[in-house]
Amino acid sequence: MRNLTLAHKDCVPCRGDVPSLKGNALTEIHQQLAEPAKWNVVNEHHLVRAYKFPDFKSALAFVNQVGDLAEAQGHHPDILLGWGKVEITLWTHAVDGLTESDFILAAKIDQLT
């Protein structure tokens, strides 16, 4: 599994003392996700992925799993819930960009599906 390394790490609380990922470093860590094409890097600032479900109840159950995971990791995504769909947006607010923790959480979220 390509995401083994990221999925087995834990998110690290960011206090704004690390630079956000850019350029080659960002490309390299993005490629470590199991399905990098499904996670869109937007303006080198945030990650977005949409998930589809057969109904609202399934989508809500997934949101609750993501919420539990986010609480355990201390790293919280923006979550958009709709009938049969969930959109996850990740970035590290303290640095106003992407850090390794965003990719760790993305890899862990992918393991939920």
PDB file of N, CA and C in Angstrom:
ATOM      1  N   MET A   1       0.835  -1.183   0.000  1.00  0.00           N
ATOM      2  CA  MET A   1       0.000   0.000   0.000  1.00  0.00           C
ATOM      3  C   MET A   1       0.879   1.246   0.000  1.00  0.00           C
ATOM      4  N   ARG A   2       0.583   2.169  -0.875  1.00  0.00           N
ATOM      5  CA  ARG A   2       1.386   3.380  -0.989  1.00  0.00           C
ATOM      6  C   ARG A   2       1.197   4.310   0.202  1.00  0.00           C
ATOM      7  N   ASN A   3       0.025   4.296   0.832  1.00  0.00           N
ATOM      8  CA  ASN A   3      -0.240   5.238   1.917  1.00  0.00           C
ATOM      9  C   ASN A   3       0.127   4.679   3.282  1.00  0.00           C
ATOM     10  N   LEU A   4       0.764   3.533   3.326  1.00  0.00           N
ATOM     11  CA  LEU A   4       1.095   2.891   4.594  1.00  0.00           C
ATOM     12  C   LEU A   4       1.834   3.834   5.531  1.00  0.00           C
ATOM     13  N   THR A   5       2.831   4.527   5.043  1.00  0.00           N
ATOM     14  CA  THR A   5       3.619   5.415   5.890  1.00  0.00           C
ATOM     15  C   THR A   5       2.763   6.535   6.465  1.00  0.00           C
ATOM     16  N   LEU A   6       2.027   7.236   5.647  1.00  0.00           N
ATOM     17  CA  LEU A   6       1.200   8.344   6.132  1.00  0.00           C
ATOM     18  C   LEU A   6       0.094   7.863   7.059  1.00  0.00           C
ATOM     19  N   ALA A   7      -0.592   6.804   6.685  1.00  0.00           N
ATOM     20  CA  ALA A   7      -1.737   6.329   7.460  1.00  0.00           C
ATOM     21  C   ALA A   7      -1.345   5.825   8.841  1.00  0.00           C
ATOM     22  N   HIS A   8      -0.099   5.457   9.016  1.00  0.00           N
ATOM     23  CA  HIS A   8       0.337   4.942  10.306  1.00  0.00           C
ATOM     24  C   HIS A   8       1.031   5.991  11.172  1.00  0.00           C
ATOM     25  N   LYS A   9       1.076   7.211  10.691  1.00  0.00           N
ATOM     26  CA  LYS A   9       1.607   8.310  11.483  1.00  0.00           C
ATOM     27  C   LYS A   9       0.454   8.983  12.216  1.00  0.00           C
ATOM     28  N   ASP A  10       0.774   9.837  13.147  1.00  0.00           N
ATOM     29  CA  ASP A  10      -0.233  10.635  13.839  1.00  0.00           C
ATOM     30  C   ASP A  10      -0.029  12.108  13.496  1.00  0.00           C
ATOM     31  N   CYS A  11      -1.127  12.831  13.441  1.00  0.00           N
ATOM     32  CA  CYS A  11      -1.061  14.270  13.201  1.00  0.00           C
ATOM     33  C   CYS A  11      -0.338  14.943  14.366  1.00  0.00           C
ATOM     34  N   VAL A  12       0.417  15.974  14.035  1.00  0.00           N
ATOM     35  CA  VAL A  12       1.168  16.728  15.029  1.00  0.00           C
ATOM     36  C   VAL A  12       0.556  18.123  15.123  1.00  0.00           C
ATOM     37  N   PRO A  13       0.213  18.550  16.328  1.00  0.00           N
ATOM     38  CA  PRO A  13      -0.353  19.890  16.462  1.00  0.00           C
ATOM     39  C   PRO A  13       0.613  20.943  15.912  1.00  0.00           C
ATOM     40  N   CYS A  14       0.108  21.833  15.113  1.00  0.00           N
ATOM     41  CA  CYS A  14       0.936  22.872  14.503  1.00  0.00           C
ATOM     42  C   CYS A  14       0.707  24.186  15.232  1.00  0.00           C
ATOM     43  N   ARG A  15       1.772  24.827  15.570  1.00  0.00           N
ATOM     44  CA  ARG A  15       1.701  26.108  16.264  1.00  0.00           C
ATOM     45  C   ARG A  15       2.112  27.256  15.337  1.00  0.00           C
ATOM     46  N   GLY A  16       2.246  26.950  14.062  1.00  0.00           N
ATOM     47  CA  GLY A  16       2.618  27.985  13.108  1.00  0.00           C
ATOM     48  C   GLY A  16       4.109  28.157  12.942  1.00  0.00           C
ATOM     49  N   ASP A  17       4.890  27.250  13.521  1.00  0.00           N
ATOM     50  CA  ASP A  17       6.344  27.387  13.467  1.00  0.00           C
ATOM     51  C   ASP A  17       6.996  26.562  12.358  1.00  0.00           C
ATOM     52  N   VAL A  18       6.185  25.967  11.493  1.00  0.00           N
ATOM     53  CA  VAL A  18       6.715  25.232  10.339  1.00  0.00           C
ATOM     54  C   VAL A  18       6.154  25.858   9.075  1.00  0.00           C
ATOM     55  N   PRO A  19       6.941  25.892   8.007  1.00  0.00           N
ATOM     56  CA  PRO A  19       6.405  26.452   6.765  1.00  0.00           C
ATOM     57  C   PRO A  19       5.425  25.477   6.113  1.00  0.00           C
ATOM     58  N   SER A  20       4.490  26.015   5.366  1.00  0.00           N
ATOM     59  CA  SER A  20       3.570  25.148   4.623  1.00  0.00           C
ATOM     60  C   SER A  20       4.324  24.489   3.473  1.00  0.00           C
ATOM     61  N   LEU A  21       3.819  23.341   3.054  1.00  0.00           N
ATOM     62  CA  LEU A  21       4.432  22.590   1.957  1.00  0.00           C
ATOM     63  C   LEU A  21       4.171  23.290   0.627  1.00  0.00           C
ATOM     64  N   LYS A  22       5.196  23.353  -0.195  1.00  0.00           N
ATOM     65  CA  LYS A  22       5.094  23.985  -1.517  1.00  0.00           C
ATOM     66  C   LYS A  22       5.923  23.185  -2.518  1.00  0.00           C
ATOM     67  N   GLY A  23       5.670  23.396  -3.784  1.00  0.00           N
ATOM     68  CA  GLY A  23       6.496  22.856  -4.861  1.00  0.00           C
ATOM     69  C   GLY A  23       6.714  21.352  -4.802  1.00  0.00           C
ATOM     70  N   ASN A  24       7.982  20.934  -4.957  1.00  0.00           N
ATOM     71  CA  ASN A  24       8.314  19.509  -5.020  1.00  0.00           C
ATOM     72  C   ASN A  24       7.956  18.769  -3.741  1.00  0.00           C
ATOM     73  N   ALA A  25       8.166  19.396  -2.590  1.00  0.00           N
ATOM     74  CA  ALA A  25       7.832  18.742  -1.321  1.00  0.00           C
ATOM     75  C   ALA A  25       6.337  18.434  -1.253  1.00  0.00           C
ATOM     76  N   LEU A  26       5.522  19.345  -1.732  1.00  0.00           N
ATOM     77  CA  LEU A  26       4.077  19.152  -1.760  1.00  0.00           C
ATOM     78  C   LEU A  26       3.710  18.045  -2.743  1.00  0.00           C
ATOM     79  N   THR A  27       4.300  18.057  -3.912  1.00  0.00           N
ATOM     80  CA  THR A  27       4.027  17.030  -4.922  1.00  0.00           C
ATOM     81  C   THR A  27       4.408  15.648  -4.416  1.00  0.00           C
ATOM     82  N   GLU A  28       5.558  15.551  -3.766  1.00  0.00           N
ATOM     83  CA  GLU A  28       6.028  14.260  -3.274  1.00  0.00           C
ATOM     84  C   GLU A  28       5.113  13.674  -2.209  1.00  0.00           C
ATOM     85  N   ILE A  29       4.697  14.479  -1.245  1.00  0.00           N
ATOM     86  CA  ILE A  29       3.832  13.940  -0.197  1.00  0.00           C
ATOM     87  C   ILE A  29       2.439  13.627  -0.739  1.00  0.00           C
ATOM     88  N   HIS A  30       1.972  14.406  -1.689  1.00  0.00           N
ATOM     89  CA  HIS A  30       0.673  14.141  -2.314  1.00  0.00           C
ATOM     90  C   HIS A  30       0.684  12.775  -2.991  1.00  0.00           C
ATOM     91  N   GLN A  31       1.781  12.429  -3.611  1.00  0.00           N
ATOM     92  CA  GLN A  31       1.894  11.146  -4.308  1.00  0.00           C
ATOM     93  C   GLN A  31       1.936   9.959  -3.351  1.00  0.00           C
ATOM     94  N   GLN A  32       2.141  10.200  -2.063  1.00  0.00           N
ATOM     95  CA  GLN A  32       2.161   9.119  -1.082  1.00  0.00           C
ATOM     96  C   GLN A  32       0.758   8.663  -0.683  1.00  0.00           C
ATOM     97  N   LEU A  33      -0.263   9.425  -1.050  1.00  0.00           N
ATOM     98  CA  LEU A  33      -1.636   9.000  -0.779  1.00  0.00           C
ATOM     99  C   LEU A  33      -1.976   7.795  -1.640  1.00  0.00           C
ATOM    100  N   ALA A  34      -2.855   6.936  -1.158  1.00  0.00           N
ATOM    101  CA  ALA A  34      -3.232   5.721  -1.887  1.00  0.00           C
ATOM    102  C   ALA A  34      -3.808   6.050  -3.260  1.00  0.00           C
ATOM    103  N   GLU A  35      -4.618   7.099  -3.318  1.00  0.00           N
ATOM    104  CA  GLU A  35      -5.231   7.521  -4.579  1.00  0.00           C
ATOM    105  C   GLU A  35      -5.076   9.039  -4.723  1.00  0.00           C
ATOM    106  N   PRO A  36      -3.860   9.472  -5.050  1.00  0.00           N
ATOM    107  CA  PRO A  36      -3.618  10.926  -5.088  1.00  0.00           C
ATOM    108  C   PRO A  36      -4.521  11.673  -6.055  1.00  0.00           C
ATOM    109  N   ALA A  37      -4.955  11.038  -7.124  1.00  0.00           N
ATOM    110  CA  ALA A  37      -5.808  11.723  -8.096  1.00  0.00           C
ATOM    111  C   ALA A  37      -7.169  12.092  -7.503  1.00  0.00           C
ATOM    112  N   LYS A  38      -7.582  11.414  -6.450  1.00  0.00           N
ATOM    113  CA  LYS A  38      -8.873  11.708  -5.834  1.00  0.00           C
ATOM    114  C   LYS A  38      -8.802  12.871  -4.847  1.00  0.00           C
ATOM    115  N   TRP A  39      -7.593  13.212  -4.392  1.00  0.00           N
ATOM    116  CA  TRP A  39      -7.395  14.361  -3.514  1.00  0.00           C
ATOM    117  C   TRP A  39      -6.829  15.491  -4.350  1.00  0.00           C
ATOM    118  N   ASN A  40      -7.573  16.549  -4.515  1.00  0.00           N
ATOM    119  CA  ASN A  40      -7.130  17.693  -5.308  1.00  0.00           C
ATOM    120  C   ASN A  40      -6.394  18.690  -4.425  1.00  0.00           C
ATOM    121  N   VAL A  41      -5.186  19.045  -4.837  1.00  0.00           N
ATOM    122  CA  VAL A  41      -4.445  20.110  -4.166  1.00  0.00           C
ATOM    123  C   VAL A  41      -4.866  21.403  -4.850  1.00  0.00           C
ATOM    124  N   VAL A  42      -5.428  22.325  -4.094  1.00  0.00           N
ATOM    125  CA  VAL A  42      -5.955  23.572  -4.641  1.00  0.00           C
ATOM    126  C   VAL A  42      -5.034  24.730  -4.242  1.00  0.00           C
ATOM    127  N   ASN A  43      -4.437  25.341  -5.242  1.00  0.00           N
ATOM    128  CA  ASN A  43      -3.576  26.516  -5.053  1.00  0.00           C
ATOM    129  C   ASN A  43      -2.462  26.311  -4.028  1.00  0.00           C
ATOM    130  N   GLU A  44      -1.952  25.086  -3.940  1.00  0.00           N
ATOM    131  CA  GLU A  44      -0.922  24.738  -2.953  1.00  0.00           C
ATOM    132  C   GLU A  44      -1.339  25.146  -1.543  1.00  0.00           C
ATOM    133  N   HIS A  45      -2.645  25.202  -1.292  1.00  0.00           N
ATOM    134  CA  HIS A  45      -3.157  25.702  -0.014  1.00  0.00           C
ATOM    135  C   HIS A  45      -3.989  24.675   0.748  1.00  0.00           C
ATOM    136  N   HIS A  46      -4.826  23.914   0.038  1.00  0.00           N
ATOM    137  CA  HIS A  46      -5.670  22.948   0.719  1.00  0.00           C
ATOM    138  C   HIS A  46      -5.935  21.720  -0.154  1.00  0.00           C
ATOM    139  N   LEU A  47      -6.364  20.644   0.512  1.00  0.00           N
ATOM    140  CA  LEU A  47      -6.716  19.383  -0.137  1.00  0.00           C
ATOM    141  C   LEU A  47      -8.229  19.228  -0.112  1.00  0.00           C
ATOM    142  N   VAL A  48      -8.782  18.736  -1.212  1.00  0.00           N
ATOM    143  CA  VAL A  48     -10.226  18.520  -1.281  1.00  0.00           C
ATOM    144  C   VAL A  48     -10.496  17.161  -1.918  1.00  0.00           C
ATOM    145  N   ARG A  49     -11.420  16.424  -1.322  1.00  0.00           N
ATOM    146  CA  ARG A  49     -11.867  15.172  -1.917  1.00  0.00           C
ATOM    147  C   ARG A  49     -13.363  15.024  -1.701  1.00  0.00           C
ATOM    148  N   ALA A  50     -14.043  14.547  -2.731  1.00  0.00           N
ATOM    149  CA  ALA A  50     -15.476  14.265  -2.654  1.00  0.00           C
ATOM    150  C   ALA A  50     -15.683  12.754  -2.594  1.00  0.00           C
ATOM    151  N   TYR A  51     -16.606  12.345  -1.755  1.00  0.00           N
ATOM    152  CA  TYR A  51     -16.985  10.937  -1.623  1.00  0.00           C
ATOM    153  C   TYR A  51     -18.462  10.815  -1.967  1.00  0.00           C
ATOM    154  N   LYS A  52     -18.834   9.724  -2.625  1.00  0.00           N
ATOM    155  CA  LYS A  52     -20.236   9.477  -2.975  1.00  0.00           C
ATOM    156  C   LYS A  52     -20.761   8.298  -2.175  1.00  0.00           C
ATOM    157  N   PHE A  53     -22.051   8.393  -1.803  1.00  0.00           N
ATOM    158  CA  PHE A  53     -22.715   7.363  -1.017  1.00  0.00           C
ATOM    159  C   PHE A  53     -24.102   7.117  -1.599  1.00  0.00           C
ATOM    160  N   PRO A  54     -24.703   5.960  -1.306  1.00  0.00           N
ATOM    161  CA  PRO A  54     -26.012   5.658  -1.891  1.00  0.00           C
ATOM    162  C   PRO A  54     -27.169   6.446  -1.296  1.00  0.00           C
ATOM    163  N   ASP A  55     -26.946   7.062  -0.124  1.00  0.00           N
ATOM    164  CA  ASP A  55     -28.040   7.783   0.521  1.00  0.00           C
ATOM    165  C   ASP A  55     -27.488   8.726   1.594  1.00  0.00           C
ATOM    166  N   PHE A  56     -28.368   9.472   2.203  1.00  0.00           N
ATOM    167  CA  PHE A  56     -27.964  10.431   3.241  1.00  0.00           C
ATOM    168  C   PHE A  56     -27.435   9.723   4.479  1.00  0.00           C
ATOM    169  N   LYS A  57     -28.099   8.643   4.884  1.00  0.00           N
ATOM    170  CA  LYS A  57     -27.719   7.934   6.099  1.00  0.00           C
ATOM    171  C   LYS A  57     -26.278   7.431   6.016  1.00  0.00           C
ATOM    172  N   SER A  58     -25.888   6.884   4.883  1.00  0.00           N
ATOM    173  CA  SER A  58     -24.514   6.390   4.693  1.00  0.00           C
ATOM    174  C   SER A  58     -23.513   7.540   4.716  1.00  0.00           C
ATOM    175  N   ALA A  59     -23.866   8.627   4.086  1.00  0.00           N
ATOM    176  CA  ALA A  59     -22.983   9.800   4.075  1.00  0.00           C
ATOM    177  C   ALA A  59     -22.811  10.342   5.492  1.00  0.00           C
ATOM    178  N   LEU A  60     -23.895  10.403   6.255  1.00  0.00           N
ATOM    179  CA  LEU A  60     -23.835  10.887   7.624  1.00  0.00           C
ATOM    180  C   LEU A  60     -22.985   9.957   8.501  1.00  0.00           C
ATOM    181  N   ALA A  61     -23.112   8.663   8.308  1.00  0.00           N
ATOM    182  CA  ALA A  61     -22.307   7.705   9.073  1.00  0.00           C
ATOM    183  C   ALA A  61     -20.816   7.926   8.800  1.00  0.00           C
ATOM    184  N   PHE A  62     -20.474   8.192   7.539  1.00  0.00           N
ATOM    185  CA  PHE A  62     -19.086   8.468   7.184  1.00  0.00           C
ATOM    186  C   PHE A  62     -18.604   9.756   7.860  1.00  0.00           C
ATOM    187  N   VAL A  63     -19.433  10.796   7.841  1.00  0.00           N
ATOM    188  CA  VAL A  63     -19.087  12.059   8.493  1.00  0.00           C
ATOM    189  C   VAL A  63     -18.808  11.825   9.978  1.00  0.00           C
ATOM    190  N   ASN A  64     -19.622  11.002  10.621  1.00  0.00           N
ATOM    191  CA  ASN A  64     -19.406  10.715  12.037  1.00  0.00           C
ATOM    192  C   ASN A  64     -18.089   9.974  12.263  1.00  0.00           C
ATOM    193  N   GLN A  65     -17.728   9.070  11.370  1.00  0.00           N
ATOM    194  CA  GLN A  65     -16.443   8.379  11.468  1.00  0.00           C
ATOM    195  C   GLN A  65     -15.290   9.367  11.296  1.00  0.00           C
ATOM    196  N   VAL A  66     -15.410  10.243  10.321  1.00  0.00           N
ATOM    197  CA  VAL A  66     -14.376  11.257  10.089  1.00  0.00           C
ATOM    198  C   VAL A  66     -14.264  12.162  11.316  1.00  0.00           C
ATOM    199  N   GLY A  67     -15.394  12.524  11.900  1.00  0.00           N
ATOM    200  CA  GLY A  67     -15.385  13.358  13.089  1.00  0.00           C
ATOM    201  C   GLY A  67     -14.668  12.694  14.257  1.00  0.00           C
ATOM    202  N   ASP A  68     -14.929  11.416  14.462  1.00  0.00           N
ATOM    203  CA  ASP A  68     -14.245  10.687  15.536  1.00  0.00           C
ATOM    204  C   ASP A  68     -12.747  10.618  15.280  1.00  0.00           C
ATOM    205  N   LEU A  69     -12.378  10.354  14.041  1.00  0.00           N
ATOM    206  CA  LEU A  69     -10.964  10.294  13.664  1.00  0.00           C
ATOM    207  C   LEU A  69     -10.299  11.655  13.866  1.00  0.00           C
ATOM    208  N   ALA A  70     -10.957  12.704  13.430  1.00  0.00           N
ATOM    209  CA  ALA A  70     -10.411  14.059  13.564  1.00  0.00           C
ATOM    210  C   ALA A  70     -10.189  14.415  15.033  1.00  0.00           C
ATOM    211  N   GLU A  71     -11.134  14.075  15.875  1.00  0.00           N
ATOM    212  CA  GLU A  71     -10.986  14.339  17.307  1.00  0.00           C
ATOM    213  C   GLU A  71      -9.797  13.579  17.876  1.00  0.00           C
ATOM    214  N   ALA A  72      -9.665  12.311  17.495  1.00  0.00           N
ATOM    215  CA  ALA A  72      -8.556  11.490  17.989  1.00  0.00           C
ATOM    216  C   ALA A  72      -7.205  12.041  17.536  1.00  0.00           C
ATOM    217  N   GLN A  73      -7.170  12.619  16.329  1.00  0.00           N
ATOM    218  CA  GLN A  73      -5.922  13.131  15.765  1.00  0.00           C
ATOM    219  C   GLN A  73      -5.677  14.600  16.129  1.00  0.00           C
ATOM    220  N   GLY A  74      -6.685  15.266  16.643  1.00  0.00           N
ATOM    221  CA  GLY A  74      -6.535  16.682  16.975  1.00  0.00           C
ATOM    222  C   GLY A  74      -6.321  17.549  15.749  1.00  0.00           C
ATOM    223  N   HIS A  75      -6.874  17.111  14.622  1.00  0.00           N
ATOM    224  CA  HIS A  75      -6.726  17.839  13.357  1.00  0.00           C
ATOM    225  C   HIS A  75      -8.079  17.780  12.661  1.00  0.00           C
ATOM    226  N   HIS A  76      -8.697  18.924  12.411  1.00  0.00           N
ATOM    227  CA  HIS A  76     -10.107  18.956  12.044  1.00  0.00           C
ATOM    228  C   HIS A  76     -10.349  19.513  10.646  1.00  0.00           C
ATOM    229  N   PRO A  77     -10.938  18.704   9.767  1.00  0.00           N
ATOM    230  CA  PRO A  77     -11.239  19.156   8.409  1.00  0.00           C
ATOM    231  C   PRO A  77     -12.539  19.942   8.367  1.00  0.00           C
ATOM    232  N   ASP A  78     -12.741  20.638   7.271  1.00  0.00           N
ATOM    233  CA  ASP A  78     -14.051  21.180   6.960  1.00  0.00           C
ATOM    234  C   ASP A  78     -14.800  20.046   6.257  1.00  0.00           C
ATOM    235  N   ILE A  79     -16.043  19.838   6.630  1.00  0.00           N
ATOM    236  CA  ILE A  79     -16.836  18.742   6.076  1.00  0.00           C
ATOM    237  C   ILE A  79     -18.148  19.295   5.544  1.00  0.00           C
ATOM    238  N   LEU A  80     -18.447  19.001   4.292  1.00  0.00           N
ATOM    239  CA  LEU A  80     -19.707  19.386   3.670  1.00  0.00           C
ATOM    240  C   LEU A  80     -20.510  18.108   3.442  1.00  0.00           C
ATOM    241  N   LEU A  81     -21.676  18.023   4.041  1.00  0.00           N
ATOM    242  CA  LEU A  81     -22.537  16.848   3.952  1.00  0.00           C
ATOM    243  C   LEU A  81     -23.767  17.172   3.126  1.00  0.00           C
ATOM    244  N   GLY A  82     -24.079  16.296   2.204  1.00  0.00           N
ATOM    245  CA  GLY A  82     -25.296  16.411   1.412  1.00  0.00           C
ATOM    246  C   GLY A  82     -25.863  15.030   1.167  1.00  0.00           C
ATOM    247  N   TRP A  83     -27.005  14.965   0.504  1.00  0.00           N
ATOM    248  CA  TRP A  83     -27.615  13.669   0.234  1.00  0.00           C
ATOM    249  C   TRP A  83     -26.679  12.877  -0.682  1.00  0.00           C
ATOM    250  N   GLY A  84     -26.125  11.795  -0.158  1.00  0.00           N
ATOM    251  CA  GLY A  84     -25.278  10.911  -0.945  1.00  0.00           C
ATOM    252  C   GLY A  84     -23.892  11.441  -1.247  1.00  0.00           C
ATOM    253  N   LYS A  85     -23.484  12.507  -0.558  1.00  0.00           N
ATOM    254  CA  LYS A  85     -22.150  13.035  -0.842  1.00  0.00           C
ATOM    255  C   LYS A  85     -21.557  13.703   0.394  1.00  0.00           C
ATOM    256  N   VAL A  86     -20.239  13.614   0.452  1.00  0.00           N
ATOM    257  CA  VAL A  86     -19.469  14.277   1.495  1.00  0.00           C
ATOM    258  C   VAL A  86     -18.247  14.872   0.834  1.00  0.00           C
ATOM    259  N   GLU A  87     -17.944  16.112   1.154  1.00  0.00           N
ATOM    260  CA  GLU A  87     -16.725  16.740   0.665  1.00  0.00           C
ATOM    261  C   GLU A  87     -15.863  17.105   1.870  1.00  0.00           C
ATOM    262  N   ILE A  88     -14.609  16.677   1.815  1.00  0.00           N
ATOM    263  CA  ILE A  88     -13.645  16.940   2.880  1.00  0.00           C
ATOM    264  C   ILE A  88     -12.633  17.961   2.369  1.00  0.00           C
ATOM    265  N   THR A  89     -12.373  18.996   3.157  1.00  0.00           N
ATOM    266  CA  THR A  89     -11.349  19.989   2.835  1.00  0.00           C
ATOM    267  C   THR A  89     -10.391  20.057   4.019  1.00  0.00           C
ATOM    268  N   LEU A  90      -9.108  19.925   3.706  1.00  0.00           N
ATOM    269  CA  LEU A  90      -8.056  19.921   4.726  1.00  0.00           C
ATOM    270  C   LEU A  90      -7.034  21.008   4.463  1.00  0.00           C
ATOM    271  N   TRP A  91      -6.622  21.683   5.525  1.00  0.00           N
ATOM    272  CA  TRP A  91      -5.447  22.549   5.520  1.00  0.00           C
ATOM    273  C   TRP A  91      -5.140  22.889   6.962  1.00  0.00           C
ATOM    274  N   THR A  92      -3.945  23.369   7.191  1.00  0.00           N
ATOM    275  CA  THR A  92      -3.525  23.704   8.548  1.00  0.00           C
ATOM    276  C   THR A  92      -3.677  25.200   8.749  1.00  0.00           C
ATOM    277  N   HIS A  93      -4.619  25.569   9.564  1.00  0.00           N
ATOM    278  CA  HIS A  93      -4.944  26.978   9.771  1.00  0.00           C
ATOM    279  C   HIS A  93      -3.762  27.770  10.321  1.00  0.00           C
ATOM    280  N   ALA A  94      -2.975  27.162  11.200  1.00  0.00           N
ATOM    281  CA  ALA A  94      -1.869  27.879  11.850  1.00  0.00           C
ATOM    282  C   ALA A  94      -0.811  28.367  10.865  1.00  0.00           C
ATOM    283  N   VAL A  95      -0.682  27.687   9.721  1.00  0.00           N
ATOM    284  CA  VAL A  95       0.302  28.126   8.718  1.00  0.00           C
ATOM    285  C   VAL A  95      -0.387  28.598   7.442  1.00  0.00           C
ATOM    286  N   ASP A  96      -1.724  28.575   7.445  1.00  0.00           N
ATOM    287  CA  ASP A  96      -2.513  28.980   6.280  1.00  0.00           C
ATOM    288  C   ASP A  96      -2.060  28.244   5.022  1.00  0.00           C
ATOM    289  N   GLY A  97      -1.920  26.930   5.166  1.00  0.00           N
ATOM    290  CA  GLY A  97      -1.502  26.095   4.037  1.00  0.00           C
ATOM    291  C   GLY A  97      -1.452  24.641   4.464  1.00  0.00           C
ATOM    292  N   LEU A  98      -0.779  23.841   3.663  1.00  0.00           N
ATOM    293  CA  LEU A  98      -0.715  22.403   3.888  1.00  0.00           C
ATOM    294  C   LEU A  98       0.538  21.987   4.655  1.00  0.00           C
ATOM    295  N   THR A  99       0.348  21.030   5.563  1.00  0.00           N
ATOM    296  CA  THR A  99       1.458  20.424   6.291  1.00  0.00           C
ATOM    297  C   THR A  99       1.319  18.908   6.182  1.00  0.00           C
ATOM    298  N   GLU A 100       2.307  18.200   6.696  1.00  0.00           N
ATOM    299  CA  GLU A 100       2.256  16.734   6.664  1.00  0.00           C
ATOM    300  C   GLU A 100       0.999  16.218   7.354  1.00  0.00           C
ATOM    301  N   SER A 101       0.559  16.862   8.412  1.00  0.00           N
ATOM    302  CA  SER A 101      -0.630  16.401   9.140  1.00  0.00           C
ATOM    303  C   SER A 101      -1.870  16.347   8.253  1.00  0.00           C
ATOM    304  N   ASP A 102      -1.982  17.251   7.303  1.00  0.00           N
ATOM    305  CA  ASP A 102      -3.131  17.222   6.388  1.00  0.00           C
ATOM    306  C   ASP A 102      -3.128  15.945   5.555  1.00  0.00           C
ATOM    307  N   PHE A 103      -1.956  15.533   5.126  1.00  0.00           N
ATOM    308  CA  PHE A 103      -1.837  14.321   4.317  1.00  0.00           C
ATOM    309  C   PHE A 103      -1.992  13.070   5.180  1.00  0.00           C
ATOM    310  N   ILE A 104      -1.531  13.131   6.421  1.00  0.00           N
ATOM    311  CA  ILE A 104      -1.742  12.016   7.347  1.00  0.00           C
ATOM    312  C   ILE A 104      -3.234  11.808   7.555  1.00  0.00           C
ATOM    313  N   LEU A 105      -3.972  12.890   7.832  1.00  0.00           N
ATOM    314  CA  LEU A 105      -5.403  12.761   8.044  1.00  0.00           C
ATOM    315  C   LEU A 105      -6.108  12.295   6.774  1.00  0.00           C
ATOM    316  N   ALA A 106      -5.692  12.785   5.628  1.00  0.00           N
ATOM    317  CA  ALA A 106      -6.281  12.331   4.361  1.00  0.00           C
ATOM    318  C   ALA A 106      -6.096  10.827   4.195  1.00  0.00           C
ATOM    319  N   ALA A 107      -4.898  10.321   4.471  1.00  0.00           N
ATOM    320  CA  ALA A 107      -4.624   8.885   4.351  1.00  0.00           C
ATOM    321  C   ALA A 107      -5.478   8.089   5.330  1.00  0.00           C
ATOM    322  N   LYS A 108      -5.643   8.589   6.530  1.00  0.00           N
ATOM    323  CA  LYS A 108      -6.456   7.905   7.535  1.00  0.00           C
ATOM    324  C   LYS A 108      -7.927   7.926   7.134  1.00  0.00           C
ATOM    325  N   ILE A 109      -8.399   9.037   6.583  1.00  0.00           N
ATOM    326  CA  ILE A 109      -9.793   9.118   6.122  1.00  0.00           C
ATOM    327  C   ILE A 109     -10.027   8.110   5.002  1.00  0.00           C
ATOM    328  N   ASP A 110      -9.079   7.998   4.095  1.00  0.00           N
ATOM    329  CA  ASP A 110      -9.235   7.041   3.000  1.00  0.00           C
ATOM    330  C   ASP A 110      -9.372   5.601   3.506  1.00  0.00           C
ATOM    331  N   GLN A 111      -8.787   5.303   4.639  1.00  0.00           N
ATOM    332  CA  GLN A 111      -8.901   3.956   5.189  1.00  0.00           C
ATOM    333  C   GLN A 111     -10.298   3.676   5.750  1.00  0.00           C
ATOM    334  N   LEU A 112     -11.101   4.697   5.954  1.00  0.00           N
ATOM    335  CA  LEU A 112     -12.450   4.521   6.469  1.00  0.00           C
ATOM    336  C   LEU A 112     -13.416   3.997   5.406  1.00  0.00           C
ATOM    337  N   THR A 113     -13.068   4.206   4.148  1.00  0.00           N
ATOM    338  CA  THR A 113     -14.006   3.825   3.068  1.00  0.00           C
ATOM    339  C   THR A 113     -13.722   2.435   2.550  1.00  0.00           C
TER     340      THR A 113
END
